[in-house]
């Protein structure tokens, strides 16, 4: 599966938009987020959706947006989350 933040140089047929949302809780007391893990997970999910749903060869023009939010934990304290919104265009190569 090809993934790209831009178009491909070879001819392709546009099929559909694919998208996902990843939410990661902050790690332990440090409050750090697994940002790279979230991006990797998003790319894998977009690729799987494109292949399984549309028999696509590639996901192009990937875009990402994120936000960091704070919520209440079960114990009454605050808990941080990293939310990643990802989308791309599923395409089939013209062979």
N, C-alpha and C. Protein backbone atom coordinates (compact mmCIF):
# COMPACT_ATOMS: atom_id res chain seq x y z
N UNK A 1 0.86 -1.18 0.00
CA UNK A 1 0.00 0.00 0.00
C UNK A 1 0.90 1.24 0.00
N UNK A 2 0.67 2.11 -0.95
CA UNK A 2 1.40 3.38 -1.04
C UNK A 2 0.64 4.42 -0.22
N UNK A 3 1.36 5.20 0.58
CA UNK A 3 0.75 6.33 1.28
C UNK A 3 1.58 7.57 0.98
N UNK A 4 0.88 8.69 0.80
CA UNK A 4 1.57 9.92 0.43
C UNK A 4 0.77 11.14 0.87
N UNK A 5 1.47 12.20 1.22
CA UNK A 5 0.80 13.46 1.56
C UNK A 5 0.51 14.30 0.32
N UNK A 6 0.91 13.81 -0.84
CA UNK A 6 0.64 14.51 -2.10
C UNK A 6 0.10 13.53 -3.13
N UNK A 7 -0.08 14.00 -4.36
CA UNK A 7 -0.57 13.11 -5.43
C UNK A 7 0.55 12.18 -5.91
N UNK A 8 0.19 11.22 -6.72
CA UNK A 8 1.16 10.31 -7.32
C UNK A 8 1.54 10.81 -8.71
N UNK A 9 2.72 10.44 -9.17
CA UNK A 9 3.14 10.85 -10.52
C UNK A 9 2.57 9.91 -11.59
N UNK A 10 2.19 8.69 -11.20
CA UNK A 10 1.61 7.76 -12.16
C UNK A 10 0.09 7.91 -12.21
N UNK A 11 -0.54 7.50 -13.29
CA UNK A 11 -2.00 7.67 -13.42
C UNK A 11 -2.75 6.82 -12.39
N UNK A 12 -3.86 7.38 -11.89
CA UNK A 12 -4.68 6.67 -10.91
C UNK A 12 -6.14 7.09 -11.05
N UNK A 13 -7.00 6.24 -10.47
CA UNK A 13 -8.43 6.49 -10.43
C UNK A 13 -8.81 6.78 -8.99
N UNK A 14 -9.48 7.91 -8.75
CA UNK A 14 -9.93 8.26 -7.41
C UNK A 14 -11.14 7.42 -7.05
N UNK A 15 -11.13 6.85 -5.82
CA UNK A 15 -12.23 5.98 -5.40
C UNK A 15 -13.09 6.65 -4.32
N UNK A 16 -12.46 7.01 -3.20
CA UNK A 16 -13.24 7.54 -2.08
C UNK A 16 -12.31 8.19 -1.06
N UNK A 17 -12.91 8.91 -0.15
CA UNK A 17 -12.18 9.46 1.00
C UNK A 17 -12.21 8.42 2.11
N UNK A 18 -11.08 8.27 2.81
CA UNK A 18 -11.02 7.43 4.00
C UNK A 18 -10.57 8.31 5.15
N UNK A 19 -11.06 8.01 6.35
CA UNK A 19 -10.71 8.84 7.50
C UNK A 19 -10.74 8.00 8.77
N UNK A 20 -10.08 8.50 9.81
CA UNK A 20 -10.10 7.85 11.11
C UNK A 20 -9.78 8.87 12.20
N UNK A 21 -10.09 8.49 13.42
CA UNK A 21 -9.77 9.29 14.61
C UNK A 21 -9.04 8.37 15.58
N UNK A 22 -7.90 8.83 16.07
CA UNK A 22 -7.12 8.09 17.05
C UNK A 22 -7.08 8.92 18.32
N UNK A 23 -7.34 8.29 19.44
CA UNK A 23 -7.29 8.98 20.74
C UNK A 23 -6.30 8.23 21.63
N UNK A 24 -5.30 8.93 22.10
CA UNK A 24 -4.27 8.32 22.95
C UNK A 24 -4.25 9.02 24.31
N UNK A 25 -4.32 8.23 25.36
CA UNK A 25 -4.23 8.76 26.72
C UNK A 25 -2.77 9.06 27.03
N UNK A 26 -2.54 10.09 27.84
CA UNK A 26 -1.17 10.44 28.25
C UNK A 26 -0.55 9.26 29.00
N UNK A 27 0.76 9.09 28.83
CA UNK A 27 1.47 7.99 29.47
C UNK A 27 1.86 8.32 30.90
N UNK A 28 1.29 7.61 31.84
CA UNK A 28 1.68 7.71 33.25
C UNK A 28 1.71 9.11 33.80
N UNK A 29 2.56 9.30 34.79
CA UNK A 29 2.65 10.58 35.49
C UNK A 29 3.37 11.65 34.68
N UNK A 30 4.12 11.24 33.66
CA UNK A 30 4.87 12.22 32.87
C UNK A 30 3.94 13.08 32.03
N UNK A 31 2.76 12.56 31.70
CA UNK A 31 1.82 13.31 30.89
C UNK A 31 2.18 13.36 29.42
N UNK A 32 3.19 12.59 28.98
CA UNK A 32 3.60 12.60 27.58
C UNK A 32 2.66 11.75 26.74
N UNK A 33 2.53 12.12 25.49
CA UNK A 33 1.66 11.41 24.56
C UNK A 33 2.50 10.67 23.54
N UNK A 34 2.02 9.52 23.10
CA UNK A 34 2.67 8.75 22.06
C UNK A 34 2.24 9.30 20.70
N UNK A 35 2.80 10.44 20.35
CA UNK A 35 2.41 11.14 19.13
C UNK A 35 2.77 10.33 17.88
N UNK A 36 3.99 9.86 17.80
CA UNK A 36 4.40 9.09 16.61
C UNK A 36 3.60 7.80 16.49
N UNK A 37 3.28 7.18 17.63
CA UNK A 37 2.46 5.98 17.63
C UNK A 37 1.07 6.26 17.06
N UNK A 38 0.53 7.42 17.40
CA UNK A 38 -0.80 7.80 16.89
C UNK A 38 -0.76 7.99 15.37
N UNK A 39 0.28 8.65 14.85
CA UNK A 39 0.39 8.84 13.40
C UNK A 39 0.57 7.50 12.69
N UNK A 40 1.42 6.64 13.23
CA UNK A 40 1.63 5.31 12.64
C UNK A 40 0.33 4.52 12.62
N UNK A 41 -0.40 4.55 13.73
CA UNK A 41 -1.67 3.83 13.82
C UNK A 41 -2.68 4.38 12.80
N UNK A 42 -2.73 5.69 12.65
CA UNK A 42 -3.65 6.31 11.70
C UNK A 42 -3.34 5.89 10.27
N UNK A 43 -2.07 5.90 9.90
CA UNK A 43 -1.68 5.50 8.53
C UNK A 43 -2.05 4.04 8.28
N UNK A 44 -1.83 3.18 9.28
CA UNK A 44 -2.19 1.76 9.12
C UNK A 44 -3.69 1.59 8.98
N UNK A 45 -4.47 2.32 9.78
CA UNK A 45 -5.93 2.22 9.70
C UNK A 45 -6.46 2.73 8.36
N UNK A 46 -5.93 3.86 7.89
CA UNK A 46 -6.36 4.39 6.59
C UNK A 46 -6.02 3.41 5.47
N UNK A 47 -4.83 2.84 5.52
CA UNK A 47 -4.41 1.87 4.50
C UNK A 47 -5.31 0.64 4.51
N UNK A 48 -5.59 0.12 5.70
CA UNK A 48 -6.44 -1.06 5.82
C UNK A 48 -7.86 -0.77 5.32
N UNK A 49 -8.41 0.36 5.70
CA UNK A 49 -9.76 0.73 5.24
C UNK A 49 -9.80 0.85 3.72
N UNK A 50 -8.81 1.51 3.15
CA UNK A 50 -8.77 1.70 1.70
C UNK A 50 -8.68 0.37 0.96
N UNK A 51 -7.85 -0.52 1.49
CA UNK A 51 -7.67 -1.83 0.84
C UNK A 51 -8.90 -2.71 1.03
N UNK A 52 -9.38 -2.82 2.26
CA UNK A 52 -10.51 -3.72 2.56
C UNK A 52 -11.83 -3.24 1.96
N UNK A 53 -12.11 -1.96 2.05
CA UNK A 53 -13.39 -1.44 1.58
C UNK A 53 -13.43 -1.16 0.07
N UNK A 54 -12.29 -0.72 -0.48
CA UNK A 54 -12.30 -0.23 -1.86
C UNK A 54 -11.29 -0.92 -2.79
N UNK A 55 -10.55 -1.88 -2.27
CA UNK A 55 -9.51 -2.56 -3.08
C UNK A 55 -8.52 -1.54 -3.66
N UNK A 56 -8.20 -0.54 -2.86
CA UNK A 56 -7.31 0.54 -3.31
C UNK A 56 -5.85 0.09 -3.30
N UNK A 57 -5.05 0.77 -4.11
CA UNK A 57 -3.61 0.53 -4.17
C UNK A 57 -2.83 1.55 -3.35
N UNK A 58 -3.48 2.70 -3.08
CA UNK A 58 -2.77 3.78 -2.40
C UNK A 58 -3.76 4.69 -1.67
N UNK A 59 -3.23 5.39 -0.67
CA UNK A 59 -3.97 6.47 -0.02
C UNK A 59 -3.10 7.71 -0.19
N UNK A 60 -3.63 8.70 -0.89
CA UNK A 60 -2.85 9.89 -1.21
C UNK A 60 -3.46 11.13 -0.56
N UNK A 61 -2.72 12.21 -0.64
CA UNK A 61 -3.16 13.51 -0.12
C UNK A 61 -3.58 13.40 1.35
N UNK A 62 -2.79 12.64 2.11
CA UNK A 62 -3.07 12.48 3.54
C UNK A 62 -2.98 13.82 4.25
N UNK A 63 -3.94 14.07 5.12
CA UNK A 63 -3.88 15.27 5.97
C UNK A 63 -4.14 14.83 7.41
N UNK A 64 -3.56 15.58 8.33
CA UNK A 64 -3.68 15.27 9.75
C UNK A 64 -4.00 16.55 10.52
N UNK A 65 -4.86 16.42 11.49
CA UNK A 65 -5.14 17.50 12.43
C UNK A 65 -5.15 16.86 13.81
N UNK A 66 -4.81 17.63 14.82
CA UNK A 66 -4.80 17.06 16.16
C UNK A 66 -5.25 18.08 17.19
N UNK A 67 -5.56 17.56 18.36
CA UNK A 67 -5.83 18.42 19.49
C UNK A 67 -5.43 17.66 20.75
N UNK A 68 -5.07 18.41 21.75
CA UNK A 68 -4.76 17.85 23.06
C UNK A 68 -5.88 18.31 23.98
N UNK A 69 -6.49 17.36 24.68
CA UNK A 69 -7.59 17.72 25.56
C UNK A 69 -7.35 17.17 26.96
N UNK A 70 -7.97 17.79 27.91
CA UNK A 70 -7.87 17.38 29.31
C UNK A 70 -9.26 16.98 29.78
N UNK A 71 -9.36 15.82 30.39
CA UNK A 71 -10.62 15.35 30.95
C UNK A 71 -10.42 14.90 32.38
N UNK A 72 -11.48 14.55 33.02
CA UNK A 72 -11.40 14.06 34.40
C UNK A 72 -11.15 12.56 34.39
N UNK A 73 -10.28 12.11 35.28
CA UNK A 73 -10.03 10.69 35.42
C UNK A 73 -11.02 10.09 36.41
N UNK A 74 -11.02 8.79 36.50
CA UNK A 74 -11.94 8.10 37.42
C UNK A 74 -11.68 8.51 38.87
N UNK A 75 -10.45 8.83 39.20
CA UNK A 75 -10.09 9.20 40.57
C UNK A 75 -10.33 10.67 40.88
N UNK A 76 -10.89 11.42 39.94
CA UNK A 76 -11.19 12.82 40.18
C UNK A 76 -10.12 13.79 39.71
N UNK A 77 -8.94 13.28 39.35
CA UNK A 77 -7.88 14.14 38.83
C UNK A 77 -8.10 14.44 37.35
N UNK A 78 -7.13 15.09 36.74
CA UNK A 78 -7.25 15.37 35.30
C UNK A 78 -6.38 14.41 34.51
N UNK A 79 -6.80 14.17 33.29
CA UNK A 79 -6.16 13.20 32.43
C UNK A 79 -6.04 13.81 31.03
N UNK A 80 -4.86 13.73 30.43
CA UNK A 80 -4.66 14.31 29.11
C UNK A 80 -4.85 13.30 28.00
N UNK A 81 -5.38 13.77 26.85
CA UNK A 81 -5.57 12.93 25.68
C UNK A 81 -5.01 13.65 24.46
N UNK A 82 -4.45 12.87 23.56
CA UNK A 82 -4.00 13.37 22.26
C UNK A 82 -4.96 12.77 21.23
N UNK A 83 -5.66 13.60 20.47
CA UNK A 83 -6.59 13.13 19.47
C UNK A 83 -6.09 13.52 18.08
N UNK A 84 -6.00 12.53 17.22
CA UNK A 84 -5.49 12.74 15.87
C UNK A 84 -6.60 12.42 14.88
N UNK A 85 -6.87 13.36 14.00
CA UNK A 85 -7.87 13.19 12.94
C UNK A 85 -7.09 13.08 11.63
N UNK A 86 -7.32 11.97 10.91
CA UNK A 86 -6.57 11.73 9.67
C UNK A 86 -7.53 11.42 8.53
N UNK A 87 -7.19 11.88 7.34
CA UNK A 87 -7.99 11.57 6.17
C UNK A 87 -7.09 11.51 4.94
N UNK A 88 -7.56 10.81 3.94
CA UNK A 88 -6.83 10.69 2.69
C UNK A 88 -7.76 10.24 1.60
N UNK A 89 -7.24 10.16 0.39
CA UNK A 89 -8.01 9.73 -0.77
C UNK A 89 -7.55 8.35 -1.21
N UNK A 90 -8.48 7.41 -1.22
CA UNK A 90 -8.18 6.06 -1.69
C UNK A 90 -8.19 6.06 -3.22
N UNK A 91 -7.14 5.48 -3.82
CA UNK A 91 -7.04 5.45 -5.28
C UNK A 91 -6.58 4.07 -5.77
N UNK A 92 -6.91 3.79 -7.02
CA UNK A 92 -6.42 2.60 -7.72
C UNK A 92 -5.49 3.06 -8.82
N UNK A 93 -4.36 2.40 -8.92
CA UNK A 93 -3.42 2.72 -10.01
C UNK A 93 -3.98 2.22 -11.33
N UNK A 94 -3.77 3.00 -12.38
CA UNK A 94 -4.17 2.59 -13.72
C UNK A 94 -2.99 1.84 -14.32
N UNK A 95 -3.18 0.56 -14.55
CA UNK A 95 -2.07 -0.27 -15.04
C UNK A 95 -2.29 -0.74 -16.45
